[in-house]
Amino acid sequence: MKAIYTILLLVVSNIFMTFAWYGHLKLQQMKLISSWPLWLVIIFSWGIALAEYSCQIPANRIGFTGNGGPFTLMQLKVMQEVITLIIFTLFTTIFFRGESLQWNHFAAFGCLILAVYFIFMK
């Protein structure tokens, strides 16, 4: 169960982080925050990032082998990066219609799948 909780928390944390890092760009396009000064956008994003950290930290604590979890630090990091890119790809293709996936993106995803394979290899 710790593996499932870890992965779910990593997914949720990456959803929040993607919105913290890139959501303000969409809100700006929608003219919802286009008049906000940069410092206010930063504080807004920090608020979202707080939710991200509230999931990321427990995911790492639950999942880490040093705390009785099933994953090494390297495995946690590679999983987090793959989840980040999956969430980012979904976010980009759904919210930013002008962005499209190209063949090289799929080649990069293949490399990430290989990275996961190799990091979990005994």
C-alpha atoms as a PDB file:
ATOM      1  CA  MET A   1       0.000   0.000   0.000  1.00  0.00           C
ATOM      2  CA  LYS A   2       2.904   2.372   0.668  1.00  0.00           C
ATOM      3  CA  ALA A   3       3.876   2.214  -3.006  1.00  0.00           C
ATOM      4  CA  ILE A   4       0.353   3.146  -4.099  1.00  0.00           C
ATOM      5  CA  TYR A   5       0.104   5.997  -1.566  1.00  0.00           C
ATOM      6  CA  THR A   6       3.494   7.274  -2.656  1.00  0.00           C
ATOM      7  CA  ILE A   7       2.589   7.286  -6.342  1.00  0.00           C
ATOM      8  CA  LEU A   8      -0.826   8.888  -5.720  1.00  0.00           C
ATOM      9  CA  LEU A   9       0.711  11.623  -3.584  1.00  0.00           C
ATOM     10  CA  LEU A  10       3.364  12.237  -6.243  1.00  0.00           C
ATOM     11  CA  VAL A  11       0.651  12.593  -8.895  1.00  0.00           C
ATOM     12  CA  VAL A  12      -1.352  15.044  -6.772  1.00  0.00           C
ATOM     13  CA  SER A  13       1.751  17.036  -5.849  1.00  0.00           C
ATOM     14  CA  ASN A  14       2.766  17.309  -9.493  1.00  0.00           C
ATOM     15  CA  ILE A  15      -0.683  18.521 -10.498  1.00  0.00           C
ATOM     16  CA  PHE A  16      -0.360  21.323  -7.953  1.00  0.00           C
ATOM     17  CA  MET A  17       3.210  22.095  -8.992  1.00  0.00           C
ATOM     18  CA  THR A  18       2.327  22.285 -12.677  1.00  0.00           C
ATOM     19  CA  PHE A  19      -0.443  24.746 -11.864  1.00  0.00           C
ATOM     20  CA  ALA A  20       1.914  26.736  -9.623  1.00  0.00           C
ATOM     21  CA  TRP A  21       4.599  26.947 -12.309  1.00  0.00           C
ATOM     22  CA  TYR A  22       2.495  27.286 -15.465  1.00  0.00           C
ATOM     23  CA  GLY A  23      -1.136  27.909 -14.474  1.00  0.00           C
ATOM     24  CA  HIS A  24      -0.569  31.644 -14.124  1.00  0.00           C
ATOM     25  CA  LEU A  25       0.312  31.748 -17.839  1.00  0.00           C
ATOM     26  CA  LYS A  26      -3.095  30.343 -18.737  1.00  0.00           C
ATOM     27  CA  LEU A  27      -4.824  32.674 -16.270  1.00  0.00           C
ATOM     28  CA  GLN A  28      -2.970  35.555 -17.905  1.00  0.00           C
ATOM     29  CA  GLN A  29      -4.129  34.419 -21.355  1.00  0.00           C
ATOM     30  CA  MET A  30      -7.683  34.295 -20.038  1.00  0.00           C
ATOM     31  CA  LYS A  31      -7.252  37.903 -18.833  1.00  0.00           C
ATOM     32  CA  LEU A  32      -8.001  36.884 -15.236  1.00  0.00           C
ATOM     33  CA  ILE A  33      -4.685  38.032 -13.776  1.00  0.00           C
ATOM     34  CA  SER A  34      -3.164  39.988 -16.654  1.00  0.00           C
ATOM     35  CA  SER A  35      -3.113  43.198 -14.609  1.00  0.00           C
ATOM     36  CA  TRP A  36      -1.486  41.611 -11.545  1.00  0.00           C
ATOM     37  CA  PRO A  37       2.061  42.687 -10.709  1.00  0.00           C
ATOM     38  CA  LEU A  38       4.697  39.969 -10.835  1.00  0.00           C
ATOM     39  CA  TRP A  39       5.150  39.877  -7.040  1.00  0.00           C
ATOM     40  CA  LEU A  40       1.439  39.050  -6.599  1.00  0.00           C
ATOM     41  CA  VAL A  41       1.618  36.279  -9.199  1.00  0.00           C
ATOM     42  CA  ILE A  42       4.626  34.858  -7.314  1.00  0.00           C
ATOM     43  CA  ILE A  43       2.742  34.869  -3.995  1.00  0.00           C
ATOM     44  CA  PHE A  44      -0.275  33.272  -5.702  1.00  0.00           C
ATOM     45  CA  SER A  45       1.978  30.537  -7.125  1.00  0.00           C
ATOM     46  CA  TRP A  46       3.654  30.014  -3.741  1.00  0.00           C
ATOM     47  CA  GLY A  47       0.229  29.365  -2.251  1.00  0.00           C
ATOM     48  CA  ILE A  48      -0.359  26.632  -4.803  1.00  0.00           C
ATOM     49  CA  ALA A  49       3.165  25.297  -4.238  1.00  0.00           C
ATOM     50  CA  LEU A  50       2.385  24.948  -0.525  1.00  0.00           C
ATOM     51  CA  ALA A  51      -0.284  22.412  -1.470  1.00  0.00           C
ATOM     52  CA  GLU A  52       2.299  20.684  -3.666  1.00  0.00           C
ATOM     53  CA  TYR A  53       4.756  20.387  -0.792  1.00  0.00           C
ATOM     54  CA  SER A  54       1.984  19.114   1.464  1.00  0.00           C
ATOM     55  CA  CYS A  55       1.775  16.075  -0.822  1.00  0.00           C
ATOM     56  CA  GLN A  56       5.385  15.784  -2.031  1.00  0.00           C
ATOM     57  CA  ILE A  57       6.996  15.588   1.413  1.00  0.00           C
ATOM     58  CA  PRO A  58       4.679  12.832   2.703  1.00  0.00           C
ATOM     59  CA  ALA A  59       5.120  10.931  -0.577  1.00  0.00           C
ATOM     60  CA  ASN A  60       8.885  10.896  -0.114  1.00  0.00           C
ATOM     61  CA  ARG A  61       8.639  10.003   3.573  1.00  0.00           C
ATOM     62  CA  ILE A  62       6.155   7.170   2.989  1.00  0.00           C
ATOM     63  CA  GLY A  63       7.950   5.817  -0.063  1.00  0.00           C
ATOM     64  CA  PHE A  64      11.584   5.999   1.102  1.00  0.00           C
ATOM     65  CA  THR A  65      13.224   2.703   2.081  1.00  0.00           C
ATOM     66  CA  GLY A  66      14.860   4.420   5.062  1.00  0.00           C
ATOM     67  CA  ASN A  67      11.356   4.938   6.482  1.00  0.00           C
ATOM     68  CA  GLY A  68      10.096   1.451   5.664  1.00  0.00           C
ATOM     69  CA  GLY A  69       8.884   2.331   2.173  1.00  0.00           C
ATOM     70  CA  PRO A  70       9.525   0.381  -1.023  1.00  0.00           C
ATOM     71  CA  PHE A  71      11.615   2.932  -2.982  1.00  0.00           C
ATOM     72  CA  THR A  72      15.208   4.142  -2.945  1.00  0.00           C
ATOM     73  CA  LEU A  73      15.948   7.849  -3.346  1.00  0.00           C
ATOM     74  CA  MET A  74      16.923   7.302  -6.980  1.00  0.00           C
ATOM     75  CA  GLN A  75      13.688   5.447  -7.668  1.00  0.00           C
ATOM     76  CA  LEU A  76      11.633   8.180  -5.994  1.00  0.00           C
ATOM     77  CA  LYS A  77      13.345  10.883  -8.046  1.00  0.00           C
ATOM     78  CA  VAL A  78      12.987   9.112 -11.394  1.00  0.00           C
ATOM     79  CA  MET A  79       9.323   8.330 -10.664  1.00  0.00           C
ATOM     80  CA  GLN A  80       8.737  11.954  -9.722  1.00  0.00           C
ATOM     81  CA  GLU A  81      10.322  13.177 -12.965  1.00  0.00           C
ATOM     82  CA  VAL A  82       8.296  10.788 -15.116  1.00  0.00           C
ATOM     83  CA  ILE A  83       5.086  11.751 -13.310  1.00  0.00           C
ATOM     84  CA  THR A  84       6.006  15.434 -13.735  1.00  0.00           C
ATOM     85  CA  LEU A  85       6.415  15.060 -17.481  1.00  0.00           C
ATOM     86  CA  ILE A  86       3.182  13.080 -17.845  1.00  0.00           C
ATOM     87  CA  ILE A  87       1.227  15.684 -15.871  1.00  0.00           C
ATOM     88  CA  PHE A  88       2.933  18.521 -17.751  1.00  0.00           C
ATOM     89  CA  THR A  89       2.155  16.918 -21.118  1.00  0.00           C
ATOM     90  CA  LEU A  90      -1.507  16.486 -20.203  1.00  0.00           C
ATOM     91  CA  PHE A  91      -1.678  20.041 -18.835  1.00  0.00           C
ATOM     92  CA  THR A  92      -0.049  21.504 -21.929  1.00  0.00           C
ATOM     93  CA  THR A  93      -2.157  19.644 -24.465  1.00  0.00           C
ATOM     94  CA  ILE A  94      -5.416  20.320 -22.595  1.00  0.00           C
ATOM     95  CA  PHE A  95      -4.964  23.930 -21.460  1.00  0.00           C
ATOM     96  CA  PHE A  96      -2.596  25.287 -24.118  1.00  0.00           C
ATOM     97  CA  ARG A  97      -4.149  24.203 -27.398  1.00  0.00           C
ATOM     98  CA  GLY A  98      -1.336  25.741 -29.465  1.00  0.00           C
ATOM     99  CA  GLU A  99       1.177  23.252 -28.089  1.00  0.00           C
ATOM    100  CA  SER A 100       1.313  19.943 -29.925  1.00  0.00           C
ATOM    101  CA  LEU A 101       3.212  16.736 -29.426  1.00  0.00           C
ATOM    102  CA  GLN A 102       5.921  15.956 -31.967  1.00  0.00           C
ATOM    103  CA  TRP A 103       7.813  12.762 -32.732  1.00  0.00           C
ATOM    104  CA  ASN A 104      10.776  13.870 -30.615  1.00  0.00           C
ATOM    105  CA  HIS A 105       8.494  14.213 -27.567  1.00  0.00           C
ATOM    106  CA  PHE A 106       7.462  10.581 -27.980  1.00  0.00           C
ATOM    107  CA  ALA A 107      11.130   9.589 -28.404  1.00  0.00           C
ATOM    108  CA  ALA A 108      11.908  11.412 -25.138  1.00  0.00           C
ATOM    109  CA  PHE A 109       9.027   9.619 -23.406  1.00  0.00           C
ATOM    110  CA  GLY A 110      10.483   6.329 -24.611  1.00  0.00           C
ATOM    111  CA  CYS A 111      13.810   7.293 -23.056  1.00  0.00           C
ATOM    112  CA  LEU A 112      12.017   8.055 -19.780  1.00  0.00           C
ATOM    113  CA  ILE A 113      10.364   4.653 -19.816  1.00  0.00           C
ATOM    114  CA  LEU A 114      13.816   3.153 -20.283  1.00  0.00           C
ATOM    115  CA  ALA A 115      15.080   5.285 -17.376  1.00  0.00           C
ATOM    116  CA  VAL A 116      12.374   3.858 -15.139  1.00  0.00           C
ATOM    117  CA  TYR A 117      13.223   0.345 -16.315  1.00  0.00           C
ATOM    118  CA  PHE A 118      16.938   0.809 -15.589  1.00  0.00           C
ATOM    119  CA  ILE A 119      16.456   2.524 -12.217  1.00  0.00           C
ATOM    120  CA  PHE A 120      14.298  -0.363 -10.976  1.00  0.00           C
ATOM    121  CA  MET A 121      16.597  -3.023 -12.417  1.00  0.00           C
ATOM    122  CA  LYS A 122      18.307  -5.169  -9.779  1.00  0.00           C
END
